[in-house]
Amino acid sequence: MTSLDQTPPTAPVVTEEARDTRSRLHAFAARVGYWLPVFAVVVLFAQISFLGLRPALSEAKRLAAAEAVLTARHARACQENREIQLQLAARQDPVFLERQRRLRTIQPVVIEK
């Protein structure tokens, strides 16, 4: 065989349908690339609102309810503290101490019938 008998390799034939499919894919990729920043922001917003914001809001409601309970408990504790401080101040009063001493020394009066 001579080199003339060999036929050169032929380039693949690109049909009109293949070109049309390729141009459609290119147009689709261009469209997706154009809208990709918008989709990214929407996905980020959904992530924050469903997985980040909702638990934070429910925790805020729970903490607000707990704050009301703790505020009432603190008010009761402050009132009790004031009462104890008044009792302590009264027990340090010299007049009160003298009255208590006299009550302990006086014999109880027994009433006969």
PDB file of N, CA and C in Angstrom:
ATOM      1  N   MET A   1       0.814  -1.164   0.000  1.00  0.00           N
ATOM      2  CA  MET A   1       0.000   0.000   0.000  1.00  0.00           C
ATOM      3  C   MET A   1       0.868   1.241   0.000  1.00  0.00           C
ATOM      4  N   THR A   2       0.377   2.108  -0.692  1.00  0.00           N
ATOM      5  CA  THR A   2       1.114   3.359  -0.804  1.00  0.00           C
ATOM      6  C   THR A   2       0.437   4.408   0.046  1.00  0.00           C
ATOM      7  N   SER A   3       1.130   5.470   0.235  1.00  0.00           N
ATOM      8  CA  SER A   3       0.573   6.522   1.071  1.00  0.00           C
ATOM      9  C   SER A   3      -0.596   7.220   0.387  1.00  0.00           C
ATOM     10  N   LEU A   4      -0.736   7.040  -0.909  1.00  0.00           N
ATOM     11  CA  LEU A   4      -1.855   7.652  -1.609  1.00  0.00           C
ATOM     12  C   LEU A   4      -3.147   6.893  -1.382  1.00  0.00           C
ATOM     13  N   ASP A   5      -3.017   5.610  -1.124  1.00  0.00           N
ATOM     14  CA  ASP A   5      -4.208   4.812  -0.919  1.00  0.00           C
ATOM     15  C   ASP A   5      -4.888   5.106   0.429  1.00  0.00           C
ATOM     16  N   GLN A   6      -4.131   5.594   1.343  1.00  0.00           N
ATOM     17  CA  GLN A   6      -4.716   5.875   2.658  1.00  0.00           C
ATOM     18  C   GLN A   6      -5.523   7.159   2.591  1.00  0.00           C
ATOM     19  N   THR A   7      -6.686   7.091   3.186  1.00  0.00           N
ATOM     20  CA  THR A   7      -7.529   8.280   3.212  1.00  0.00           C
ATOM     21  C   THR A   7      -7.282   9.026   4.517  1.00  0.00           C
ATOM     22  N   PRO A   8      -7.215  10.329   4.465  1.00  0.00           N
ATOM     23  CA  PRO A   8      -6.979  11.086   5.701  1.00  0.00           C
ATOM     24  C   PRO A   8      -8.191  10.975   6.614  1.00  0.00           C
ATOM     25  N   PRO A   9      -7.949  11.062   7.930  1.00  0.00           N
ATOM     26  CA  PRO A   9      -9.083  10.980   8.865  1.00  0.00           C
ATOM     27  C   PRO A   9     -10.007  12.162   8.648  1.00  0.00           C
ATOM     28  N   THR A  10     -11.254  11.877   8.757  1.00  0.00           N
ATOM     29  CA  THR A  10     -12.235  12.932   8.531  1.00  0.00           C
ATOM     30  C   THR A  10     -12.664  13.536   9.868  1.00  0.00           C
ATOM     31  N   ALA A  11     -12.978  14.801   9.850  1.00  0.00           N
ATOM     32  CA  ALA A  11     -13.448  15.508  11.056  1.00  0.00           C
ATOM     33  C   ALA A  11     -14.890  15.104  11.298  1.00  0.00           C
ATOM     34  N   PRO A  12     -15.272  15.038  12.578  1.00  0.00           N
ATOM     35  CA  PRO A  12     -16.665  14.678  12.845  1.00  0.00           C
ATOM     36  C   PRO A  12     -17.598  15.739  12.288  1.00  0.00           C
ATOM     37  N   VAL A  13     -18.652  15.247  11.748  1.00  0.00           N
ATOM     38  CA  VAL A  13     -19.618  16.143  11.139  1.00  0.00           C
ATOM     39  C   VAL A  13     -20.572  16.622  12.233  1.00  0.00           C
ATOM     40  N   VAL A  14     -20.689  17.939  12.366  1.00  0.00           N
ATOM     41  CA  VAL A  14     -21.580  18.526  13.360  1.00  0.00           C
ATOM     42  C   VAL A  14     -22.885  18.844  12.659  1.00  0.00           C
ATOM     43  N   THR A  15     -23.911  18.218  13.147  1.00  0.00           N
ATOM     44  CA  THR A  15     -25.196  18.434  12.504  1.00  0.00           C
ATOM     45  C   THR A  15     -25.846  19.700  13.043  1.00  0.00           C
ATOM     46  N   GLU A  16     -26.848  20.129  12.373  1.00  0.00           N
ATOM     47  CA  GLU A  16     -27.581  21.333  12.777  1.00  0.00           C
ATOM     48  C   GLU A  16     -28.271  21.100  14.116  1.00  0.00           C
ATOM     49  N   GLU A  17     -28.712  19.874  14.371  1.00  0.00           N
ATOM     50  CA  GLU A  17     -29.386  19.560  15.636  1.00  0.00           C
ATOM     51  C   GLU A  17     -28.412  19.646  16.796  1.00  0.00           C
ATOM     52  N   ALA A  18     -27.176  19.195  16.615  1.00  0.00           N
ATOM     53  CA  ALA A  18     -26.165  19.278  17.673  1.00  0.00           C
ATOM     54  C   ALA A  18     -25.815  20.725  17.970  1.00  0.00           C
ATOM     55  N   ARG A  19     -25.705  21.545  16.952  1.00  0.00           N
ATOM     56  CA  ARG A  19     -25.433  22.966  17.153  1.00  0.00           C
ATOM     57  C   ARG A  19     -26.574  23.629  17.904  1.00  0.00           C
ATOM     58  N   ASP A  20     -27.802  23.268  17.568  1.00  0.00           N
ATOM     59  CA  ASP A  20     -28.966  23.848  18.218  1.00  0.00           C
ATOM     60  C   ASP A  20     -29.000  23.459  19.708  1.00  0.00           C
ATOM     61  N   THR A  21     -28.693  22.188  20.004  1.00  0.00           N
ATOM     62  CA  THR A  21     -28.666  21.727  21.388  1.00  0.00           C
ATOM     63  C   THR A  21     -27.577  22.438  22.165  1.00  0.00           C
ATOM     64  N   ARG A  22     -26.406  22.582  21.534  1.00  0.00           N
ATOM     65  CA  ARG A  22     -25.291  23.259  22.196  1.00  0.00           C
ATOM     66  C   ARG A  22     -25.626  24.723  22.449  1.00  0.00           C
ATOM     67  N   SER A  23     -26.251  25.378  21.535  1.00  0.00           N
ATOM     68  CA  SER A  23     -26.601  26.792  21.736  1.00  0.00           C
ATOM     69  C   SER A  23     -27.686  26.929  22.803  1.00  0.00           C
ATOM     70  N   ARG A  24     -28.590  25.972  22.877  1.00  0.00           N
ATOM     71  CA  ARG A  24     -29.614  26.000  23.935  1.00  0.00           C
ATOM     72  C   ARG A  24     -28.972  25.811  25.313  1.00  0.00           C
ATOM     73  N   LEU A  25     -28.025  24.862  25.407  1.00  0.00           N
ATOM     74  CA  LEU A  25     -27.328  24.649  26.675  1.00  0.00           C
ATOM     75  C   LEU A  25     -26.539  25.897  27.076  1.00  0.00           C
ATOM     76  N   HIS A  26     -25.902  26.530  26.095  1.00  0.00           N
ATOM     77  CA  HIS A  26     -25.140  27.739  26.366  1.00  0.00           C
ATOM     78  C   HIS A  26     -26.082  28.865  26.839  1.00  0.00           C
ATOM     79  N   ALA A  27     -27.217  28.986  26.210  1.00  0.00           N
ATOM     80  CA  ALA A  27     -28.183  30.017  26.612  1.00  0.00           C
ATOM     81  C   ALA A  27     -28.719  29.726  28.012  1.00  0.00           C
ATOM     82  N   PHE A  28     -28.970  28.448  28.309  1.00  0.00           N
ATOM     83  CA  PHE A  28     -29.455  28.064  29.643  1.00  0.00           C
ATOM     84  C   PHE A  28     -28.391  28.359  30.710  1.00  0.00           C
ATOM     85  N   ALA A  29     -27.135  28.016  30.405  1.00  0.00           N
ATOM     86  CA  ALA A  29     -26.057  28.279  31.357  1.00  0.00           C
ATOM     87  C   ALA A  29     -25.871  29.781  31.572  1.00  0.00           C
ATOM     88  N   ALA A  30     -26.013  30.548  30.523  1.00  0.00           N
ATOM     89  CA  ALA A  30     -25.900  32.003  30.648  1.00  0.00           C
ATOM     90  C   ALA A  30     -27.025  32.554  31.516  1.00  0.00           C
ATOM     91  N   ARG A  31     -28.222  32.044  31.335  1.00  0.00           N
ATOM     92  CA  ARG A  31     -29.364  32.490  32.131  1.00  0.00           C
ATOM     93  C   ARG A  31     -29.186  32.127  33.606  1.00  0.00           C
ATOM     94  N   VAL A  32     -28.735  30.898  33.853  1.00  0.00           N
ATOM     95  CA  VAL A  32     -28.502  30.454  35.235  1.00  0.00           C
ATOM     96  C   VAL A  32     -27.399  31.304  35.867  1.00  0.00           C
ATOM     97  N   GLY A  33     -26.335  31.568  35.126  1.00  0.00           N
ATOM     98  CA  GLY A  33     -25.251  32.411  35.631  1.00  0.00           C
ATOM     99  C   GLY A  33     -25.713  33.822  35.933  1.00  0.00           C
ATOM    100  N   TYR A  34     -26.622  34.333  35.129  1.00  0.00           N
ATOM    101  CA  TYR A  34     -27.151  35.682  35.334  1.00  0.00           C
ATOM    102  C   TYR A  34     -27.978  35.758  36.626  1.00  0.00           C
ATOM    103  N   TRP A  35     -28.785  34.735  36.872  1.00  0.00           N
ATOM    104  CA  TRP A  35     -29.681  34.751  38.035  1.00  0.00           C
ATOM    105  C   TRP A  35     -29.068  34.107  39.282  1.00  0.00           C
ATOM    106  N   LEU A  36     -27.868  33.560  39.189  1.00  0.00           N
ATOM    107  CA  LEU A  36     -27.244  32.876  40.321  1.00  0.00           C
ATOM    108  C   LEU A  36     -27.090  33.769  41.564  1.00  0.00           C
ATOM    109  N   PRO A  37     -26.682  35.019  41.452  1.00  0.00           N
ATOM    110  CA  PRO A  37     -26.603  35.851  42.671  1.00  0.00           C
ATOM    111  C   PRO A  37     -27.956  36.023  43.362  1.00  0.00           C
ATOM    112  N   VAL A  38     -29.018  36.121  42.594  1.00  0.00           N
ATOM    113  CA  VAL A  38     -30.354  36.253  43.183  1.00  0.00           C
ATOM    114  C   VAL A  38     -30.731  34.971  43.918  1.00  0.00           C
ATOM    115  N   PHE A  39     -30.476  33.824  43.309  1.00  0.00           N
ATOM    116  CA  PHE A  39     -30.780  32.549  43.965  1.00  0.00           C
ATOM    117  C   PHE A  39     -29.962  32.385  45.247  1.00  0.00           C
ATOM    118  N   ALA A  40     -28.698  32.822  45.201  1.00  0.00           N
ATOM    119  CA  ALA A  40     -27.844  32.698  46.392  1.00  0.00           C
ATOM    120  C   ALA A  40     -28.397  33.532  47.538  1.00  0.00           C
ATOM    121  N   VAL A  41     -28.860  34.731  47.244  1.00  0.00           N
ATOM    122  CA  VAL A  41     -29.431  35.587  48.288  1.00  0.00           C
ATOM    123  C   VAL A  41     -30.736  34.995  48.809  1.00  0.00           C
ATOM    124  N   VAL A  42     -31.551  34.449  47.935  1.00  0.00           N
ATOM    125  CA  VAL A  42     -32.813  33.839  48.367  1.00  0.00           C
ATOM    126  C   VAL A  42     -32.536  32.630  49.258  1.00  0.00           C
ATOM    127  N   VAL A  43     -31.576  31.816  48.886  1.00  0.00           N
ATOM    128  CA  VAL A  43     -31.229  30.642  49.704  1.00  0.00           C
ATOM    129  C   VAL A  43     -30.680  31.091  51.051  1.00  0.00           C
ATOM    130  N   LEU A  44     -29.856  32.121  51.070  1.00  0.00           N
ATOM    131  CA  LEU A  44     -29.325  32.641  52.330  1.00  0.00           C
ATOM    132  C   LEU A  44     -30.439  33.188  53.213  1.00  0.00           C
ATOM    133  N   PHE A  45     -31.370  33.920  52.626  1.00  0.00           N
ATOM    134  CA  PHE A  45     -32.500  34.441  53.392  1.00  0.00           C
ATOM    135  C   PHE A  45     -33.349  33.310  53.952  1.00  0.00           C
ATOM    136  N   ALA A  46     -33.589  32.280  53.162  1.00  0.00           N
ATOM    137  CA  ALA A  46     -34.365  31.134  53.646  1.00  0.00           C
ATOM    138  C   ALA A  46     -33.634  30.433  54.788  1.00  0.00           C
ATOM    139  N   GLN A  47     -32.340  30.287  54.666  1.00  0.00           N
ATOM    140  CA  GLN A  47     -31.543  29.667  55.724  1.00  0.00           C
ATOM    141  C   GLN A  47     -31.664  30.454  57.030  1.00  0.00           C
ATOM    142  N   ILE A  48     -31.538  31.751  56.934  1.00  0.00           N
ATOM    143  CA  ILE A  48     -31.616  32.589  58.138  1.00  0.00           C
ATOM    144  C   ILE A  48     -33.019  32.571  58.717  1.00  0.00           C
ATOM    145  N   SER A  49     -34.031  32.683  57.856  1.00  0.00           N
ATOM    146  CA  SER A  49     -35.394  32.790  58.387  1.00  0.00           C
ATOM    147  C   SER A  49     -35.903  31.471  58.940  1.00  0.00           C
ATOM    148  N   PHE A  50     -35.578  30.356  58.331  1.00  0.00           N
ATOM    149  CA  PHE A  50     -36.120  29.086  58.813  1.00  0.00           C
ATOM    150  C   PHE A  50     -35.246  28.431  59.874  1.00  0.00           C
ATOM    151  N   LEU A  51     -33.941  28.530  59.736  1.00  0.00           N
ATOM    152  CA  LEU A  51     -33.064  27.834  60.673  1.00  0.00           C
ATOM    153  C   LEU A  51     -32.412  28.771  61.683  1.00  0.00           C
ATOM    154  N   GLY A  52     -32.442  30.059  61.438  1.00  0.00           N
ATOM    155  CA  GLY A  52     -31.784  30.973  62.347  1.00  0.00           C
ATOM    156  C   GLY A  52     -32.728  31.900  63.061  1.00  0.00           C
ATOM    157  N   LEU A  53     -33.675  32.454  62.362  1.00  0.00           N
ATOM    158  CA  LEU A  53     -34.547  33.461  62.946  1.00  0.00           C
ATOM    159  C   LEU A  53     -35.658  32.840  63.778  1.00  0.00           C
ATOM    160  N   ARG A  54     -36.248  31.774  63.316  1.00  0.00           N
ATOM    161  CA  ARG A  54     -37.362  31.151  64.041  1.00  0.00           C
ATOM    162  C   ARG A  54     -36.940  30.641  65.422  1.00  0.00           C
ATOM    163  N   PRO A  55     -35.838  29.894  65.535  1.00  0.00           N
ATOM    164  CA  PRO A  55     -35.419  29.489  66.883  1.00  0.00           C
ATOM    165  C   PRO A  55     -35.055  30.679  67.768  1.00  0.00           C
ATOM    166  N   ALA A  56     -34.471  31.715  67.175  1.00  0.00           N
ATOM    167  CA  ALA A  56     -34.126  32.894  67.972  1.00  0.00           C
ATOM    168  C   ALA A  56     -35.379  33.588  68.483  1.00  0.00           C
ATOM    169  N   LEU A  57     -36.408  33.673  67.661  1.00  0.00           N
ATOM    170  CA  LEU A  57     -37.656  34.306  68.102  1.00  0.00           C
ATOM    171  C   LEU A  57     -38.351  33.476  69.173  1.00  0.00           C
ATOM    172  N   SER A  58     -38.347  32.164  69.027  1.00  0.00           N
ATOM    173  CA  SER A  58     -38.972  31.326  70.046  1.00  0.00           C
ATOM    174  C   SER A  58     -38.185  31.391  71.357  1.00  0.00           C
ATOM    175  N   GLU A  59     -36.870  31.480  71.271  1.00  0.00           N
ATOM    176  CA  GLU A  59     -36.052  31.627  72.478  1.00  0.00           C
ATOM    177  C   GLU A  59     -36.312  32.978  73.135  1.00  0.00           C
ATOM    178  N   ALA A  60     -36.522  34.014  72.328  1.00  0.00           N
ATOM    179  CA  ALA A  60     -36.828  35.334  72.885  1.00  0.00           C
ATOM    180  C   ALA A  60     -38.161  35.305  73.627  1.00  0.00           C
ATOM    181  N   LYS A  61     -39.161  34.601  73.084  1.00  0.00           N
ATOM    182  CA  LYS A  61     -40.451  34.481  73.777  1.00  0.00           C
ATOM    183  C   LYS A  61     -40.293  33.723  75.093  1.00  0.00           C
ATOM    184  N   ARG A  62     -39.522  32.650  75.077  1.00  0.00           N
ATOM    185  CA  ARG A  62     -39.310  31.865  76.291  1.00  0.00           C
ATOM    186  C   ARG A  62     -38.592  32.693  77.346  1.00  0.00           C
ATOM    187  N   LEU A  63     -37.589  33.456  76.917  1.00  0.00           N
ATOM    188  CA  LEU A  63     -36.860  34.284  77.863  1.00  0.00           C
ATOM    189  C   LEU A  63     -37.719  35.427  78.400  1.00  0.00           C
ATOM    190  N   ALA A  64     -38.630  35.951  77.592  1.00  0.00           N
ATOM    191  CA  ALA A  64     -39.529  37.005  78.075  1.00  0.00           C
ATOM    192  C   ALA A  64     -40.454  36.456  79.158  1.00  0.00           C
ATOM    193  N   ALA A  65     -40.959  35.242  78.968  1.00  0.00           N
ATOM    194  CA  ALA A  65     -41.805  34.622  79.989  1.00  0.00           C
ATOM    195  C   ALA A  65     -40.999  34.343  81.257  1.00  0.00           C
ATOM    196  N   ALA A  66     -39.777  33.870  81.098  1.00  0.00           N
ATOM    197  CA  ALA A  66     -38.930  33.608  82.261  1.00  0.00           C
ATOM    198  C   ALA A  66     -38.571  34.906  82.978  1.00  0.00           C
ATOM    199  N   GLU A  67     -38.428  35.982  82.221  1.00  0.00           N
ATOM    200  CA  GLU A  67     -38.122  37.273  82.829  1.00  0.00           C
ATOM    201  C   GLU A  67     -39.269  37.744  83.710  1.00  0.00           C
ATOM    202  N   ALA A  68     -40.501  37.531  83.260  1.00  0.00           N
ATOM    203  CA  ALA A  68     -41.659  37.924  84.067  1.00  0.00           C
ATOM    204  C   ALA A  68     -41.689  37.139  85.379  1.00  0.00           C
ATOM    205  N   VAL A  69     -41.416  35.852  85.313  1.00  0.00           N
ATOM    206  CA  VAL A  69     -41.402  35.020  86.524  1.00  0.00           C
ATOM    207  C   VAL A  69     -40.294  35.482  87.466  1.00  0.00           C
ATOM    208  N   LEU A  70     -39.109  35.726  86.913  1.00  0.00           N
ATOM    209  CA  LEU A  70     -37.985  36.150  87.747  1.00  0.00           C
ATOM    210  C   LEU A  70     -38.206  37.540  88.335  1.00  0.00           C
ATOM    211  N   THR A  71     -38.861  38.418  87.610  1.00  0.00           N
ATOM    212  CA  THR A  71     -39.157  39.753  88.131  1.00  0.00           C
ATOM    213  C   THR A  71     -40.093  39.659  89.324  1.00  0.00           C
ATOM    214  N   ALA A  72     -41.118  38.822  89.226  1.00  0.00           N
ATOM    215  CA  ALA A  72     -42.038  38.644  90.349  1.00  0.00           C
ATOM    216  C   ALA A  72     -41.320  38.014  91.539  1.00  0.00           C
ATOM    217  N   ARG A  73     -40.490  37.029  91.288  1.00  0.00           N
ATOM    218  CA  ARG A  73     -39.736  36.382  92.362  1.00  0.00           C
ATOM    219  C   ARG A  73     -38.782  37.376  93.031  1.00  0.00           C
ATOM    220  N   HIS A  74     -38.153  38.221  92.239  1.00  0.00           N
ATOM    221  CA  HIS A  74     -37.244  39.227  92.784  1.00  0.00           C
ATOM    222  C   HIS A  74     -38.008  40.242  93.631  1.00  0.00           C
ATOM    223  N   ALA A  75     -39.198  40.644  93.184  1.00  0.00           N
ATOM    224  CA  ALA A  75     -40.002  41.595  93.964  1.00  0.00           C
ATOM    225  C   ALA A  75     -40.377  40.993  95.317  1.00  0.00           C
ATOM    226  N   ARG A  76     -40.769  39.706  95.312  1.00  0.00           N
ATOM    227  CA  ARG A  76     -41.099  39.044  96.585  1.00  0.00           C
ATOM    228  C   ARG A  76     -39.878  38.962  97.490  1.00  0.00           C
ATOM    229  N   ALA A  77     -38.737  38.648  96.939  1.00  0.00           N
ATOM    230  CA  ALA A  77     -37.510  38.553  97.739  1.00  0.00           C
ATOM    231  C   ALA A  77     -37.120  39.916  98.308  1.00  0.00           C
ATOM    232  N   CYS A  78     -37.295  40.981  97.529  1.00  0.00           N
ATOM    233  CA  CYS A  78     -36.989  42.329  98.026  1.00  0.00           C
ATOM    234  C   CYS A  78     -37.932  42.716  99.162  1.00  0.00           C
ATOM    235  N   GLN A  79     -39.219  42.379  99.016  1.00  0.00           N
ATOM    236  CA  GLN A  79     -40.190  42.669 100.082  1.00  0.00           C
ATOM    237  C   GLN A  79     -39.834  41.904 101.354  1.00  0.00           C
ATOM    238  N   GLU A  80     -39.495  40.644 101.216  1.00  0.00           N
ATOM    239  CA  GLU A  80     -39.099  39.845 102.381  1.00  0.00           C
ATOM    240  C   GLU A  80     -37.833  40.411 103.022  1.00  0.00           C
ATOM    241  N   ASN A  81     -36.907  40.873 102.210  1.00  0.00           N
ATOM    242  CA  ASN A  81     -35.686  41.477 102.727  1.00  0.00           C
ATOM    243  C   ASN A  81     -35.999  42.742 103.518  1.00  0.00           C
ATOM    244  N   ARG A  82     -36.911  43.578 102.995  1.00  0.00           N
ATOM    245  CA  ARG A  82     -37.302  44.789 103.722  1.00  0.00           C
ATOM    246  C   ARG A  82     -37.919  44.446 105.071  1.00  0.00           C
ATOM    247  N   GLU A  83     -38.787  43.422 105.095  1.00  0.00           N
ATOM    248  CA  GLU A  83     -39.415  43.009 106.356  1.00  0.00           C
ATOM    249  C   GLU A  83     -38.376  42.508 107.351  1.00  0.00           C
ATOM    250  N   ILE A  84     -37.416  41.737 106.883  1.00  0.00           N
ATOM    251  CA  ILE A  84     -36.364  41.227 107.764  1.00  0.00           C
ATOM    252  C   ILE A  84     -35.508  42.376 108.281  1.00  0.00           C
ATOM    253  N   GLN A  85     -35.211  43.343 107.428  1.00  0.00           N
ATOM    254  CA  GLN A  85     -34.417  44.500 107.865  1.00  0.00           C
ATOM    255  C   GLN A  85     -35.161  45.310 108.922  1.00  0.00           C
ATOM    256  N   LEU A  86     -36.490  45.453 108.758  1.00  0.00           N
ATOM    257  CA  LEU A  86     -37.287  46.164 109.771  1.00  0.00           C
ATOM    258  C   LEU A  86     -37.270  45.403 111.093  1.00  0.00           C
ATOM    259  N   GLN A  87     -37.403  44.083 111.027  1.00  0.00           N
ATOM    260  CA  GLN A  87     -37.350  43.272 112.247  1.00  0.00           C
ATOM    261  C   GLN A  87     -35.984  43.403 112.918  1.00  0.00           C
ATOM    262  N   LEU A  88     -34.941  43.378 112.132  1.00  0.00           N
ATOM    263  CA  LEU A  88     -33.594  43.498 112.674  1.00  0.00           C
ATOM    264  C   LEU A  88     -33.383  44.864 113.318  1.00  0.00           C
ATOM    265  N   ALA A  89     -33.854  45.913 112.663  1.00  0.00           N
ATOM    266  CA  ALA A  89     -33.734  47.256 113.238  1.00  0.00           C
ATOM    267  C   ALA A  89     -34.539  47.361 114.525  1.00  0.00           C
ATOM    268  N   ALA A  90     -35.721  46.758 114.565  1.00  0.00           N
ATOM    269  CA  ALA A  90     -36.547  46.797 115.783  1.00  0.00           C
ATOM    270  C   ALA A  90     -35.865  46.045 116.909  1.00  0.00           C
ATOM    271  N   ARG A  91     -35.209  44.952 116.629  1.00  0.00           N
ATOM    272  CA  ARG A  91     -34.548  44.168 117.671  1.00  0.00           C
ATOM    273  C   ARG A  91     -33.280  44.874 118.190  1.00  0.00           C
ATOM    274  N   GLN A  92     -32.762  45.830 117.459  1.00  0.00           N
ATOM    275  CA  GLN A  92     -31.611  46.592 117.923  1.00  0.00           C
ATOM    276  C   GLN A  92     -32.025  47.847 118.703  1.00  0.00           C
ATOM    277  N   ASP A  93     -33.307  48.159 118.700  1.00  0.00           N
ATOM    278  CA  ASP A  93     -33.806  49.351 119.395  1.00  0.00           C
ATOM    279  C   ASP A  93     -33.721  49.127 120.912  1.00  0.00           C
ATOM    280  N   PRO A  94     -33.136  50.071 121.655  1.00  0.00           N
ATOM    281  CA  PRO A  94     -33.005  49.876 123.101  1.00  0.00           C
ATOM    282  C   PRO A  94     -34.346  49.812 123.831  1.00  0.00           C
ATOM    283  N   VAL A  95     -35.331  50.534 123.378  1.00  0.00           N
ATOM    284  CA  VAL A  95     -36.646  50.500 124.034  1.00  0.00           C
ATOM    285  C   VAL A  95     -37.263  49.112 123.865  1.00  0.00           C
ATOM    286  N   PHE A  96     -37.172  48.574 122.683  1.00  0.00           N
ATOM    287  CA  PHE A  96     -37.710  47.245 122.428  1.00  0.00           C
ATOM    288  C   PHE A  96     -36.991  46.204 123.286  1.00  0.00           C
ATOM    289  N   LEU A  97     -35.672  46.316 123.371  1.00  0.00           N
ATOM    290  CA  LEU A  97     -34.897  45.368 124.167  1.00  0.00           C
ATOM    291  C   LEU A  97     -35.283  45.437 125.646  1.00  0.00           C
ATOM    292  N   GLU A  98     -35.509  46.635 126.149  1.00  0.00           N
ATOM    293  CA  GLU A  98     -35.903  46.779 127.549  1.00  0.00           C
ATOM    294  C   GLU A  98     -37.281  46.175 127.782  1.00  0.00           C
ATOM    295  N   ARG A  99     -38.191  46.390 126.871  1.00  0.00           N
ATOM    296  CA  ARG A  99     -39.534  45.807 127.008  1.00  0.00           C
ATOM    297  C   ARG A  99     -39.455  44.283 127.002  1.00  0.00           C
ATOM    298  N   GLN A 100     -38.644  43.735 126.149  1.00  0.00           N
ATOM    299  CA  GLN A 100     -38.481  42.284 126.105  1.00  0.00           C
ATOM    300  C   GLN A 100     -37.882  41.752 127.417  1.00  0.00           C
ATOM    301  N   ARG A 101     -36.897  42.471 127.966  1.00  0.00           N
ATOM    302  CA  ARG A 101     -36.284  42.055 129.222  1.00  0.00           C
ATOM    303  C   ARG A 101     -37.300  42.074 130.355  1.00  0.00           C
ATOM    304  N   ARG A 102     -38.130  43.121 130.395  1.00  0.00           N
ATOM    305  CA  ARG A 102     -39.135  43.229 131.451  1.00  0.00           C
ATOM    306  C   ARG A 102     -40.198  42.146 131.311  1.00  0.00           C
ATOM    307  N   LEU A 103     -40.572  41.840 130.105  1.00  0.00           N
ATOM    308  CA  LEU A 103     -41.577  40.783 129.918  1.00  0.00           C
ATOM    309  C   LEU A 103     -41.061  39.436 130.400  1.00  0.00           C
ATOM    310  N   ARG A 104     -39.776  39.209 130.257  1.00  0.00           N
ATOM    311  CA  ARG A 104     -39.211  37.939 130.717  1.00  0.00           C
ATOM    312  C   ARG A 104     -39.112  37.877 132.238  1.00  0.00           C
ATOM    313  N   THR A 105     -38.944  39.008 132.895  1.00  0.00           N
ATOM    314  CA  THR A 105     -38.777  39.007 134.348  1.00  0.00           C
ATOM    315  C   THR A 105     -40.097  39.043 135.104  1.00  0.00           C
ATOM    316  N   ILE A 106     -41.144  39.549 134.487  1.00  0.00           N
ATOM    317  CA  ILE A 106     -42.438  39.627 135.173  1.00  0.00           C
ATOM    318  C   ILE A 106     -43.060  38.249 135.230  1.00  0.00           C
ATOM    319  N   GLN A 107     -43.554  37.917 136.419  1.00  0.00           N
ATOM    320  CA  GLN A 107     -44.260  36.656 136.577  1.00  0.00           C
ATOM    321  C   GLN A 107     -45.632  36.776 135.968  1.00  0.00           C
ATOM    322  N   PRO A 108     -46.080  35.744 135.284  1.00  0.00           N
ATOM    323  CA  PRO A 108     -47.419  35.810 134.694  1.00  0.00           C
ATOM    324  C   PRO A 108     -48.453  35.895 135.813  1.00  0.00           C
ATOM    325  N   VAL A 109     -49.472  36.693 135.546  1.00  0.00           N
ATOM    326  CA  VAL A 109     -50.546  36.863 136.528  1.00  0.00           C
ATOM    327  C   VAL A 109     -51.552  35.752 136.325  1.00  0.00           C
ATOM    328  N   VAL A 110     -51.873  35.075 137.426  1.00  0.00           N
ATOM    329  CA  VAL A 110     -52.841  33.989 137.355  1.00  0.00           C
ATOM    330  C   VAL A 110     -54.149  34.517 137.913  1.00  0.00           C
ATOM    331  N   ILE A 111     -55.189  34.411 137.141  1.00  0.00           N
ATOM    332  CA  ILE A 111     -56.521  34.868 137.569  1.00  0.00           C
ATOM    333  C   ILE A 111     -57.256  33.680 138.141  1.00  0.00           C
ATOM    334  N   GLU A 112     -57.725  33.853 139.419  1.00  0.00           N
ATOM    335  CA  GLU A 112     -58.452  32.764 140.056  1.00  0.00           C
ATOM    336  C   GLU A 112     -59.934  32.975 139.884  1.00  0.00           C
ATOM    337  N   LYS A 113     -60.653  31.935 139.781  1.00  0.00           N
ATOM    338  CA  LYS A 113     -62.107  32.007 139.601  1.00  0.00           C
ATOM    339  C   LYS A 113     -62.810  31.629 140.832  1.00  0.00           C
TER     340      LYS A 113
END
